[in-house]
Amino acid sequence: MPAEPRGTGQAEDYRRAGFGAELGPGERPALLVVDLVRAYLDPDCPLYAGVEPIVGRTARLAAEARRLGHPVVFTYVSFRTAADGGQFFRKVPSLRFFLEGSPFAAPPPELAPEPGDLTVTKQYPSAFFGTSLASTLVALRVDSVVVTGVSTSGCVRASALDALCHGLRPTVVTDAVGDRAPAPHEAALFDLGAKYADLADTAAVLDAWKARA
């Protein structure tokens, strides 16, 4: 069971109610890097979230996944016009920084996709909604996804939840996801660990991969 958000006092209640069982890592994982782009890393962008520490950890996971032959998937938000984002764009006007041509929509150099990596373009929070990602992972015989990126309470949470709904085992990497503020980050991790995903830090994921190599 994950650490509870500060001040809630609910962790033991969740345990007694039967939440927080472990799904396990699966036999054929894929690494899913959600929306980790300059918008969240560049102080010149209003979406800046101060999540620079997760870049190196995610890059380390990507390098090891490639070495072991695990698929690496990068997701990017992109809109030709505001209409592409529908009500989501209306609700979050700062999504304008993901209009085609925006420099803030590009990944940092450490996370540029390499030959053989997969990319998914999306317009909504989940990496699965309105995309071919589920079909691609099924074709690759993937049974689990290791989720990194931003934001924990938004697109990471939505993608992990939809992974579960598509029959995959999601693991959210607790020190390789980030959010704008600690409270939504902690609350999202607590909720994910209770209901929808396993939680593990970078070192634990790498150890699990090596043990199965």
C-alpha atoms as a PDB file:
ATOM      1  CA  MET A   1       0.000   0.000   0.000  1.00  0.00           C
ATOM      2  CA  PRO A   2       1.461   3.436  -0.856  1.00  0.00           C
ATOM      3  CA  ALA A   3       2.190   6.127   1.658  1.00  0.00           C
ATOM      4  CA  GLU A   4      -0.958   8.092   2.340  1.00  0.00           C
ATOM      5  CA  PRO A   5      -1.278  11.816   1.646  1.00  0.00           C
ATOM      6  CA  ARG A   6      -0.252  13.822   4.674  1.00  0.00           C
ATOM      7  CA  GLY A   7      -2.996  14.271   7.225  1.00  0.00           C
ATOM      8  CA  THR A   8      -5.515  11.805   5.825  1.00  0.00           C
ATOM      9  CA  GLY A   9      -5.102   8.878   8.264  1.00  0.00           C
ATOM     10  CA  GLN A  10      -6.777   6.530   5.796  1.00  0.00           C
ATOM     11  CA  ALA A  11      -4.067   4.003   4.870  1.00  0.00           C
ATOM     12  CA  GLU A  12      -5.074   1.379   7.422  1.00  0.00           C
ATOM     13  CA  ASP A  13      -8.755   1.798   6.566  1.00  0.00           C
ATOM     14  CA  TYR A  14      -7.936   1.090   2.915  1.00  0.00           C
ATOM     15  CA  ARG A  15      -5.973  -2.006   3.885  1.00  0.00           C
ATOM     16  CA  ARG A  16      -8.845  -3.353   5.979  1.00  0.00           C
ATOM     17  CA  ALA A  17     -11.251  -2.702   3.113  1.00  0.00           C
ATOM     18  CA  GLY A  18      -9.162  -4.877   0.787  1.00  0.00           C
ATOM     19  CA  PHE A  19      -7.410  -2.300  -1.377  1.00  0.00           C
ATOM     20  CA  GLY A  20      -3.798  -2.323  -2.506  1.00  0.00           C
ATOM     21  CA  ALA A  21      -3.130  -5.893  -3.686  1.00  0.00           C
ATOM     22  CA  GLU A  22      -0.079  -6.363  -5.887  1.00  0.00           C
ATOM     23  CA  LEU A  23      -0.513  -7.109  -9.598  1.00  0.00           C
ATOM     24  CA  GLY A  24       3.103  -8.102 -10.194  1.00  0.00           C
ATOM     25  CA  PRO A  25       5.461  -6.916 -12.916  1.00  0.00           C
ATOM     26  CA  GLY A  26       4.371  -9.172 -15.768  1.00  0.00           C
ATOM     27  CA  GLU A  27       6.530 -11.159 -18.188  1.00  0.00           C
ATOM     28  CA  ARG A  28       6.678  -8.731 -21.111  1.00  0.00           C
ATOM     29  CA  PRO A  29       6.817  -5.097 -19.933  1.00  0.00           C
ATOM     30  CA  ALA A  30       6.865  -1.894 -21.921  1.00  0.00           C
ATOM     31  CA  LEU A  31       8.124   1.449 -20.651  1.00  0.00           C
ATOM     32  CA  LEU A  32       5.589   4.252 -21.125  1.00  0.00           C
ATOM     33  CA  VAL A  33       6.991   7.789 -20.924  1.00  0.00           C
ATOM     34  CA  VAL A  34       4.045  10.171 -20.646  1.00  0.00           C
ATOM     35  CA  ASP A  35       4.359  13.722 -21.981  1.00  0.00           C
ATOM     36  CA  LEU A  36       7.784  14.462 -20.512  1.00  0.00           C
ATOM     37  CA  VAL A  37       8.535  17.518 -22.637  1.00  0.00           C
ATOM     38  CA  ARG A  38      10.034  21.001 -22.348  1.00  0.00           C
ATOM     39  CA  ALA A  39       6.760  22.605 -21.268  1.00  0.00           C
ATOM     40  CA  TYR A  40       7.227  21.089 -17.817  1.00  0.00           C
ATOM     41  CA  LEU A  41      10.995  21.601 -17.710  1.00  0.00           C
ATOM     42  CA  ASP A  42      11.534  25.138 -19.027  1.00  0.00           C
ATOM     43  CA  PRO A  43      10.969  27.990 -16.539  1.00  0.00           C
ATOM     44  CA  ASP A  44       9.982  30.216 -19.480  1.00  0.00           C
ATOM     45  CA  CYS A  45       6.797  28.174 -19.937  1.00  0.00           C
ATOM     46  CA  PRO A  46       3.827  28.765 -17.593  1.00  0.00           C
ATOM     47  CA  LEU A  47       3.408  24.974 -17.409  1.00  0.00           C
ATOM     48  CA  TYR A  48       6.850  24.622 -15.808  1.00  0.00           C
ATOM     49  CA  ALA A  49       6.556  22.104 -12.975  1.00  0.00           C
ATOM     50  CA  GLY A  50      10.102  21.770 -11.651  1.00  0.00           C
ATOM     51  CA  VAL A  51      10.310  18.068 -12.442  1.00  0.00           C
ATOM     52  CA  GLU A  52      13.876  18.015 -13.778  1.00  0.00           C
ATOM     53  CA  PRO A  53      15.014  15.193 -11.436  1.00  0.00           C
ATOM     54  CA  ILE A  54      12.702  12.690 -13.121  1.00  0.00           C
ATOM     55  CA  VAL A  55      14.359  13.178 -16.528  1.00  0.00           C
ATOM     56  CA  GLY A  56      17.551  11.339 -15.627  1.00  0.00           C
ATOM     57  CA  ARG A  57      15.708   8.492 -13.952  1.00  0.00           C
ATOM     58  CA  THR A  58      13.411   8.080 -16.927  1.00  0.00           C
ATOM     59  CA  ALA A  59      16.358   8.145 -19.321  1.00  0.00           C
ATOM     60  CA  ARG A  60      18.031   5.435 -17.249  1.00  0.00           C
ATOM     61  CA  LEU A  61      14.912   3.283 -17.421  1.00  0.00           C
ATOM     62  CA  ALA A  62      14.645   3.833 -21.183  1.00  0.00           C
ATOM     63  CA  ALA A  63      18.261   2.814 -21.751  1.00  0.00           C
ATOM     64  CA  GLU A  64      17.861  -0.359 -19.726  1.00  0.00           C
ATOM     65  CA  ALA A  65      14.542  -1.207 -21.362  1.00  0.00           C
ATOM     66  CA  ARG A  66      16.164  -0.944 -24.799  1.00  0.00           C
ATOM     67  CA  ARG A  67      19.086  -3.085 -23.678  1.00  0.00           C
ATOM     68  CA  LEU A  68      16.716  -5.790 -22.470  1.00  0.00           C
ATOM     69  CA  GLY A  69      14.510  -5.622 -25.550  1.00  0.00           C
ATOM     70  CA  HIS A  70      11.488  -4.080 -23.821  1.00  0.00           C
ATOM     71  CA  PRO A  71       9.416  -1.665 -25.934  1.00  0.00           C
ATOM     72  CA  VAL A  72       9.850   2.014 -25.104  1.00  0.00           C
ATOM     73  CA  VAL A  73       6.852   4.260 -25.839  1.00  0.00           C
ATOM     74  CA  PHE A  74       6.860   8.062 -25.713  1.00  0.00           C
ATOM     75  CA  THR A  75       3.590   9.997 -25.707  1.00  0.00           C
ATOM     76  CA  TYR A  76       3.217  13.583 -26.887  1.00  0.00           C
ATOM     77  CA  VAL A  77       0.284  15.982 -26.811  1.00  0.00           C
ATOM     78  CA  SER A  78      -0.270  17.783 -30.114  1.00  0.00           C
ATOM     79  CA  PHE A  79      -3.081  19.920 -31.518  1.00  0.00           C
ATOM     80  CA  ARG A  80      -3.440  21.422 -34.984  1.00  0.00           C
ATOM     81  CA  THR A  81      -6.117  23.743 -33.635  1.00  0.00           C
ATOM     82  CA  ALA A  82      -7.937  24.207 -30.361  1.00  0.00           C
ATOM     83  CA  ALA A  83     -10.806  22.153 -31.787  1.00  0.00           C
ATOM     84  CA  ASP A  84      -8.558  19.057 -31.672  1.00  0.00           C
ATOM     85  CA  GLY A  85      -8.694  19.237 -27.888  1.00  0.00           C
ATOM     86  CA  GLY A  86     -12.422  19.776 -27.529  1.00  0.00           C
ATOM     87  CA  GLN A  87     -13.572  20.466 -23.986  1.00  0.00           C
ATOM     88  CA  PHE A  88     -10.144  19.526 -22.595  1.00  0.00           C
ATOM     89  CA  PHE A  89      -8.569  22.472 -24.446  1.00  0.00           C
ATOM     90  CA  ARG A  90     -11.368  24.724 -23.217  1.00  0.00           C
ATOM     91  CA  LYS A  91     -10.876  23.576 -19.614  1.00  0.00           C
ATOM     92  CA  VAL A  92      -7.069  23.988 -19.747  1.00  0.00           C
ATOM     93  CA  PRO A  93      -6.233  26.948 -22.005  1.00  0.00           C
ATOM     94  CA  SER A  94      -2.501  26.470 -21.397  1.00  0.00           C
ATOM     95  CA  LEU A  95      -2.724  23.459 -23.715  1.00  0.00           C
ATOM     96  CA  ARG A  96      -1.985  26.076 -26.384  1.00  0.00           C
ATOM     97  CA  PHE A  97       1.665  25.344 -25.660  1.00  0.00           C
ATOM     98  CA  PHE A  98       1.111  21.992 -27.396  1.00  0.00           C
ATOM     99  CA  LEU A  99      -0.141  23.444 -30.662  1.00  0.00           C
ATOM    100  CA  GLU A 100       1.870  22.191 -33.644  1.00  0.00           C
ATOM    101  CA  GLY A 101       5.181  24.007 -33.919  1.00  0.00           C
ATOM    102  CA  SER A 102       5.471  24.920 -30.251  1.00  0.00           C
ATOM    103  CA  PRO A 103       9.045  24.474 -29.000  1.00  0.00           C
ATOM    104  CA  PHE A 104       7.670  23.523 -25.598  1.00  0.00           C
ATOM    105  CA  ALA A 105       6.123  20.344 -27.015  1.00  0.00           C
ATOM    106  CA  ALA A 106       9.513  18.789 -27.765  1.00  0.00           C
ATOM    107  CA  PRO A 107      11.272  16.342 -25.419  1.00  0.00           C
ATOM    108  CA  PRO A 108      14.567  17.142 -23.692  1.00  0.00           C
ATOM    109  CA  PRO A 109      17.648  15.755 -25.482  1.00  0.00           C
ATOM    110  CA  GLU A 110      18.031  12.944 -22.938  1.00  0.00           C
ATOM    111  CA  LEU A 111      14.605  11.611 -23.857  1.00  0.00           C
ATOM    112  CA  ALA A 112      14.644  11.939 -27.617  1.00  0.00           C
ATOM    113  CA  PRO A 113      13.212   8.727 -29.106  1.00  0.00           C
ATOM    114  CA  GLU A 114      15.769   6.387 -30.600  1.00  0.00           C
ATOM    115  CA  PRO A 115      15.342   4.084 -33.611  1.00  0.00           C
ATOM    116  CA  GLY A 116      13.017   1.286 -32.580  1.00  0.00           C
ATOM    117  CA  ASP A 117      11.178   3.346 -29.973  1.00  0.00           C
ATOM    118  CA  LEU A 118       7.461   3.973 -30.404  1.00  0.00           C
ATOM    119  CA  THR A 119       5.719   7.357 -30.288  1.00  0.00           C
ATOM    120  CA  VAL A 120       2.062   8.106 -29.656  1.00  0.00           C
ATOM    121  CA  THR A 121       0.390  11.448 -30.368  1.00  0.00           C
ATOM    122  CA  LYS A 122      -2.597  12.182 -28.188  1.00  0.00           C
ATOM    123  CA  GLN A 123      -5.063  15.002 -27.542  1.00  0.00           C
ATOM    124  CA  TYR A 124      -6.478  13.899 -24.195  1.00  0.00           C
ATOM    125  CA  PRO A 125      -5.034  12.811 -20.829  1.00  0.00           C
ATOM    126  CA  SER A 126      -4.833   9.052 -21.377  1.00  0.00           C
ATOM    127  CA  ALA A 127      -2.218   7.599 -23.688  1.00  0.00           C
ATOM    128  CA  PHE A 128      -4.855   5.052 -24.723  1.00  0.00           C
ATOM    129  CA  PHE A 129      -7.835   7.312 -25.456  1.00  0.00           C
ATOM    130  CA  GLY A 130      -8.289   7.822 -29.200  1.00  0.00           C
ATOM    131  CA  THR A 131      -4.917   6.233 -30.043  1.00  0.00           C
ATOM    132  CA  SER A 132      -3.696   2.878 -31.346  1.00  0.00           C
ATOM    133  CA  LEU A 133      -1.526   2.221 -28.280  1.00  0.00           C
ATOM    134  CA  ALA A 134      -3.555  -0.713 -26.928  1.00  0.00           C
ATOM    135  CA  SER A 135      -3.519  -2.483 -30.299  1.00  0.00           C
ATOM    136  CA  THR A 136       0.207  -1.881 -30.660  1.00  0.00           C
ATOM    137  CA  LEU A 137       0.987  -3.340 -27.244  1.00  0.00           C
ATOM    138  CA  VAL A 138      -1.220  -6.368 -27.899  1.00  0.00           C
ATOM    139  CA  ALA A 139       0.602  -6.966 -31.184  1.00  0.00           C
ATOM    140  CA  LEU A 140       3.900  -6.836 -29.290  1.00  0.00           C
ATOM    141  CA  ARG A 141       2.529  -9.293 -26.704  1.00  0.00           C
ATOM    142  CA  VAL A 142       3.098  -6.782 -23.935  1.00  0.00           C
ATOM    143  CA  ASP A 143       1.361  -7.673 -20.673  1.00  0.00           C
ATOM    144  CA  SER A 144       2.467  -4.808 -18.427  1.00  0.00           C
ATOM    145  CA  VAL A 145       3.455  -1.150 -18.596  1.00  0.00           C
ATOM    146  CA  VAL A 146       5.912   0.769 -16.464  1.00  0.00           C
ATOM    147  CA  VAL A 147       4.684   4.357 -16.378  1.00  0.00           C
ATOM    148  CA  THR A 148       6.823   7.488 -15.997  1.00  0.00           C
ATOM    149  CA  GLY A 149       6.333  11.150 -16.872  1.00  0.00           C
ATOM    150  CA  VAL A 150       3.897  13.943 -16.043  1.00  0.00           C
ATOM    151  CA  SER A 151       1.668  14.773 -14.458  1.00  0.00           C
ATOM    152  CA  THR A 152       1.060  12.246 -11.721  1.00  0.00           C
ATOM    153  CA  SER A 153      -2.489  13.404 -11.035  1.00  0.00           C
ATOM    154  CA  GLY A 154      -3.326  13.965 -14.707  1.00  0.00           C
ATOM    155  CA  CYS A 155      -1.998  12.125 -17.729  1.00  0.00           C
ATOM    156  CA  VAL A 156       0.040   9.581 -15.741  1.00  0.00           C
ATOM    157  CA  ARG A 157      -2.980   8.625 -13.656  1.00  0.00           C
ATOM    158  CA  ALA A 158      -5.278   8.492 -16.680  1.00  0.00           C
ATOM    159  CA  SER A 159      -2.830   6.344 -18.642  1.00  0.00           C
ATOM    160  CA  ALA A 160      -2.225   3.909 -15.780  1.00  0.00           C
ATOM    161  CA  LEU A 161      -5.968   3.554 -15.220  1.00  0.00           C
ATOM    162  CA  ASP A 162      -6.635   2.885 -18.902  1.00  0.00           C
ATOM    163  CA  ALA A 163      -3.758   0.394 -19.019  1.00  0.00           C
ATOM    164  CA  LEU A 164      -5.521  -1.575 -16.289  1.00  0.00           C
ATOM    165  CA  CYS A 165      -8.819  -1.317 -18.160  1.00  0.00           C
ATOM    166  CA  HIS A 166      -7.125  -2.794 -21.250  1.00  0.00           C
ATOM    167  CA  GLY A 167      -5.932  -5.824 -19.303  1.00  0.00           C
ATOM    168  CA  LEU A 168      -2.358  -4.681 -18.703  1.00  0.00           C
ATOM    169  CA  ARG A 169      -0.520  -4.586 -15.385  1.00  0.00           C
ATOM    170  CA  PRO A 170       0.549  -0.994 -14.699  1.00  0.00           C
ATOM    171  CA  THR A 171       3.439  -0.025 -12.454  1.00  0.00           C
ATOM    172  CA  VAL A 172       3.893   3.682 -11.729  1.00  0.00           C
ATOM    173  CA  VAL A 173       7.495   4.650 -10.999  1.00  0.00           C
ATOM    174  CA  THR A 174       7.162   6.841  -7.928  1.00  0.00           C
ATOM    175  CA  ASP A 175      10.422   8.785  -8.349  1.00  0.00           C
ATOM    176  CA  ALA A 176      10.087   9.114 -12.150  1.00  0.00           C
ATOM    177  CA  VAL A 177       6.694  10.848 -12.215  1.00  0.00           C
ATOM    178  CA  GLY A 178       6.018  14.434 -11.231  1.00  0.00           C
ATOM    179  CA  ASP A 179       3.335  17.037 -10.698  1.00  0.00           C
ATOM    180  CA  ARG A 180       2.957  20.762 -10.163  1.00  0.00           C
ATOM    181  CA  ALA A 181       2.551  20.449  -6.397  1.00  0.00           C
ATOM    182  CA  PRO A 182       3.184  17.802  -3.726  1.00  0.00           C
ATOM    183  CA  ALA A 183      -0.444  17.384  -2.609  1.00  0.00           C
ATOM    184  CA  PRO A 184      -1.933  16.192  -5.944  1.00  0.00           C
ATOM    185  CA  HIS A 185       1.187  14.104  -6.587  1.00  0.00           C
ATOM    186  CA  GLU A 186       0.910  12.290  -3.257  1.00  0.00           C
ATOM    187  CA  ALA A 187      -2.855  11.882  -3.477  1.00  0.00           C
ATOM    188  CA  ALA A 188      -2.637  10.458  -6.994  1.00  0.00           C
ATOM    189  CA  LEU A 189       0.042   7.960  -6.015  1.00  0.00           C
ATOM    190  CA  PHE A 190      -2.003   6.869  -3.011  1.00  0.00           C
ATOM    191  CA  ASP A 191      -5.120   6.363  -5.130  1.00  0.00           C
ATOM    192  CA  LEU A 192      -3.238   4.585  -7.921  1.00  0.00           C
ATOM    193  CA  GLY A 193      -1.542   2.224  -5.486  1.00  0.00           C
ATOM    194  CA  ALA A 194      -4.822   1.474  -3.733  1.00  0.00           C
ATOM    195  CA  LYS A 195      -6.924   0.745  -6.813  1.00  0.00           C
ATOM    196  CA  TYR A 196      -5.245   0.706 -10.188  1.00  0.00           C
ATOM    197  CA  ALA A 197      -1.470   0.126 -10.268  1.00  0.00           C
ATOM    198  CA  ASP A 198       1.562  -1.165  -8.473  1.00  0.00           C
ATOM    199  CA  LEU A 199       4.041   1.420  -7.206  1.00  0.00           C
ATOM    200  CA  ALA A 200       7.816   1.054  -7.342  1.00  0.00           C
ATOM    201  CA  ASP A 201      10.804   3.363  -7.497  1.00  0.00           C
ATOM    202  CA  THR A 202      13.406   3.334 -10.265  1.00  0.00           C
ATOM    203  CA  ALA A 203      15.807   1.054  -8.435  1.00  0.00           C
ATOM    204  CA  ALA A 204      13.086  -1.520  -7.748  1.00  0.00           C
ATOM    205  CA  VAL A 205      11.977  -1.549 -11.391  1.00  0.00           C
ATOM    206  CA  LEU A 206      15.537  -2.014 -12.621  1.00  0.00           C
ATOM    207  CA  ASP A 207      16.114  -4.822 -10.117  1.00  0.00           C
ATOM    208  CA  ALA A 208      12.925  -6.565 -11.239  1.00  0.00           C
ATOM    209  CA  TRP A 209      13.941  -6.319 -14.894  1.00  0.00           C
ATOM    210  CA  LYS A 210      17.404  -7.665 -14.192  1.00  0.00           C
ATOM    211  CA  ALA A 211      15.990 -10.562 -12.171  1.00  0.00           C
ATOM    212  CA  ARG A 212      13.861 -11.616 -15.161  1.00  0.00           C
ATOM    213  CA  ALA A 213      16.535 -11.016 -17.812  1.00  0.00           C
END
